[in-house]
């Protein structure tokens, strides 16, 4: 867990479904580390009619401040979510939000559910698909794929 490595140097917010959040909290407390701000949330709830978006939930539930520089990390999350939940978290939540303090996104995940189908081992084709589908007006700093484009490693500045 990255928050343990950087304890005391940055504020961390972890979003996960309730059961893992509780289990991780117990491990962190038992280890004597600083507990990151945790938001127990099933990302599928982002699709609920009238429901709050990810950034709004972080602001209300954890004290997130979009005026501060922020790094969003998605690691193997979208494999487990519906296309709507993926869109709500990444496209509408992070990529679509206004972040006055500046934002970087690191994504180590599959983007198939967001319409970025693997383009085989051709890195440039995978990068072009990502830019066209998700990163239209965003600055893509670094991008590579593994497993013939099934998993994207992305670093972007919004």
Protein backbone atom coordinates (compact mmCIF):
# COMPACT_ATOMS: atom_id res chain seq x y z
CA UNK A 1 0.00 0.00 0.00
CA UNK A 2 1.50 3.29 -1.14
CA UNK A 3 0.14 5.25 1.84
CA UNK A 4 2.36 3.23 4.15
CA UNK A 5 5.46 4.02 2.10
CA UNK A 6 4.80 7.75 2.08
CA UNK A 7 3.27 8.08 5.54
CA UNK A 8 3.46 11.61 6.86
CA UNK A 9 4.54 13.13 3.51
CA UNK A 10 1.18 13.25 1.76
CA UNK A 11 -2.49 12.77 2.48
CA UNK A 12 -3.94 9.57 1.01
CA UNK A 13 -7.50 8.61 0.18
CA UNK A 14 -8.30 5.00 -0.52
CA UNK A 15 -11.54 3.98 -2.19
CA UNK A 16 -12.54 0.34 -2.09
CA UNK A 17 -15.54 -1.80 -1.31
CA UNK A 18 -16.31 -1.96 2.42
CA UNK A 19 -14.90 -5.40 3.32
CA UNK A 20 -11.33 -4.78 2.06
CA UNK A 21 -11.33 -1.27 3.57
CA UNK A 22 -12.11 -2.73 6.99
CA UNK A 23 -9.51 -5.50 6.62
CA UNK A 24 -6.78 -3.10 5.46
CA UNK A 25 -7.57 -0.66 8.25
CA UNK A 26 -7.12 -3.42 10.84
CA UNK A 27 -3.74 -4.42 9.34
CA UNK A 28 -2.51 -0.83 9.21
CA UNK A 29 -3.58 -0.12 12.79
CA UNK A 30 -1.97 -3.38 13.99
CA UNK A 31 1.27 -2.36 12.24
CA UNK A 32 1.28 1.04 13.92
CA UNK A 33 1.18 3.02 10.65
CA UNK A 34 -0.82 6.12 9.81
CA UNK A 35 -4.22 5.11 8.46
CA UNK A 36 -5.08 6.72 5.12
CA UNK A 37 -8.46 8.36 4.69
CA UNK A 38 -10.69 5.53 3.50
CA UNK A 39 -13.92 5.74 1.60
CA UNK A 40 -15.81 2.44 1.62
CA UNK A 41 -17.61 2.60 -1.72
CA UNK A 42 -18.79 0.18 -4.31
CA UNK A 43 -18.00 2.03 -7.56
CA UNK A 44 -21.25 0.66 -8.98
CA UNK A 45 -23.00 3.14 -6.66
CA UNK A 46 -21.68 5.97 -8.84
CA UNK A 47 -24.35 5.00 -11.38
CA UNK A 48 -27.26 5.29 -8.97
CA UNK A 49 -29.83 7.92 -10.01
CA UNK A 50 -29.20 11.11 -8.07
CA UNK A 51 -26.06 9.66 -6.54
CA UNK A 52 -22.98 11.75 -5.87
CA UNK A 53 -19.93 11.40 -8.09
CA UNK A 54 -16.55 10.16 -6.94
CA UNK A 55 -14.99 13.58 -6.33
CA UNK A 56 -18.07 14.80 -4.45
CA UNK A 57 -18.03 11.67 -2.27
CA UNK A 58 -14.33 12.17 -1.52
CA UNK A 59 -14.94 15.81 -0.58
CA UNK A 60 -17.86 14.98 1.74
CA UNK A 61 -16.59 11.69 3.14
CA UNK A 62 -12.87 12.29 3.50
CA UNK A 63 -12.13 15.98 3.34
CA UNK A 64 -10.59 15.79 -0.14
CA UNK A 65 -9.56 19.24 -1.42
CA UNK A 66 -9.47 19.71 -5.19
CA UNK A 67 -7.49 22.92 -4.67
CA UNK A 68 -4.44 20.81 -3.76
CA UNK A 69 -2.19 18.88 -6.18
CA UNK A 70 -3.58 15.37 -6.53
CA UNK A 71 -2.38 12.03 -7.85
CA UNK A 72 -5.05 9.45 -8.70
CA UNK A 73 -3.93 5.84 -8.95
CA UNK A 74 -6.09 3.07 -10.42
CA UNK A 75 -4.54 -0.38 -10.05
CA UNK A 76 -6.47 -3.38 -11.41
CA UNK A 77 -9.82 -1.81 -10.51
CA UNK A 78 -11.71 -1.86 -13.78
CA UNK A 79 -11.47 -5.61 -14.24
CA UNK A 80 -14.10 -5.90 -11.50
CA UNK A 81 -16.43 -3.04 -12.47
CA UNK A 82 -19.19 -2.58 -15.00
CA UNK A 83 -18.55 -0.21 -17.93
CA UNK A 84 -20.78 2.39 -16.23
CA UNK A 85 -18.81 2.23 -12.99
CA UNK A 86 -15.51 2.56 -14.90
CA UNK A 87 -16.86 5.59 -16.73
CA UNK A 88 -18.23 7.14 -13.52
CA UNK A 89 -14.93 6.76 -11.67
CA UNK A 90 -12.40 7.67 -14.34
CA UNK A 91 -14.06 9.57 -17.17
CA UNK A 92 -16.72 11.54 -15.31
CA UNK A 93 -15.04 11.54 -11.90
CA UNK A 94 -11.34 12.15 -12.41
CA UNK A 95 -10.84 13.12 -16.05
CA UNK A 96 -13.99 15.23 -16.20
CA UNK A 97 -13.56 17.13 -12.95
CA UNK A 98 -12.11 20.53 -12.26
CA UNK A 99 -9.00 20.24 -10.15
CA UNK A 100 -7.50 23.62 -9.48
CA UNK A 101 -4.41 22.26 -7.74
CA UNK A 102 -3.38 20.11 -10.71
CA UNK A 103 -3.91 16.40 -11.23
CA UNK A 104 -1.86 13.45 -12.40
CA UNK A 105 -3.39 10.06 -13.14
CA UNK A 106 -1.54 6.77 -13.04
CA UNK A 107 -3.50 3.90 -14.47
CA UNK A 108 -2.42 0.27 -14.37
CA UNK A 109 -5.58 -1.31 -15.59
CA UNK A 110 -7.65 -2.71 -18.42
CA UNK A 111 -9.58 -0.11 -20.42
CA UNK A 112 -11.72 -2.53 -22.41
CA UNK A 113 -14.87 -1.56 -20.52
CA UNK A 114 -14.19 2.06 -21.45
CA UNK A 115 -14.06 1.22 -25.15
CA UNK A 116 -10.28 1.01 -25.52
CA UNK A 117 -9.92 -2.46 -26.97
CA UNK A 118 -6.45 -4.02 -27.08
CA UNK A 119 -4.62 -3.32 -30.35
CA UNK A 120 -2.15 -6.20 -30.10
CA UNK A 121 1.53 -5.55 -29.38
CA UNK A 122 1.53 -2.25 -31.34
CA UNK A 123 2.22 0.35 -28.62
CA UNK A 124 1.42 3.31 -30.89
CA UNK A 125 -1.98 1.89 -31.87
CA UNK A 126 -2.84 1.32 -28.20
CA UNK A 127 -1.72 4.85 -27.32
CA UNK A 128 -3.74 6.35 -30.18
CA UNK A 129 -6.86 4.45 -29.04
CA UNK A 130 -6.39 5.73 -25.50
CA UNK A 131 -5.95 9.33 -26.67
CA UNK A 132 -8.97 9.16 -28.98
CA UNK A 133 -11.30 7.54 -26.47
CA UNK A 134 -10.33 9.01 -23.09
CA UNK A 135 -7.55 11.56 -23.20
CA UNK A 136 -8.74 13.92 -25.95
CA UNK A 137 -7.66 17.18 -24.38
CA UNK A 138 -5.38 15.79 -21.68
CA UNK A 139 -1.60 15.58 -21.67
CA UNK A 140 -0.45 11.98 -21.90
CA UNK A 141 3.02 11.95 -20.33
CA UNK A 142 3.81 8.27 -20.58
CA UNK A 143 2.00 5.25 -21.92
CA UNK A 144 2.78 1.62 -22.51
CA UNK A 145 0.85 -1.61 -22.52
CA UNK A 146 1.41 -5.25 -21.68
CA UNK A 147 -0.42 -8.40 -22.65
CA UNK A 148 -0.90 -7.12 -26.20
CA UNK A 149 -2.67 -3.99 -25.02
CA UNK A 150 -4.92 -5.60 -22.43
CA UNK A 151 -3.38 -3.57 -19.57
CA UNK A 152 -2.38 0.07 -19.91
CA UNK A 153 0.28 1.83 -17.87
CA UNK A 154 -0.50 5.51 -18.17
CA UNK A 155 0.75 8.68 -16.58
CA UNK A 156 -1.23 11.75 -17.57
CA UNK A 157 -1.46 15.36 -16.53
CA UNK A 158 -4.88 16.99 -16.56
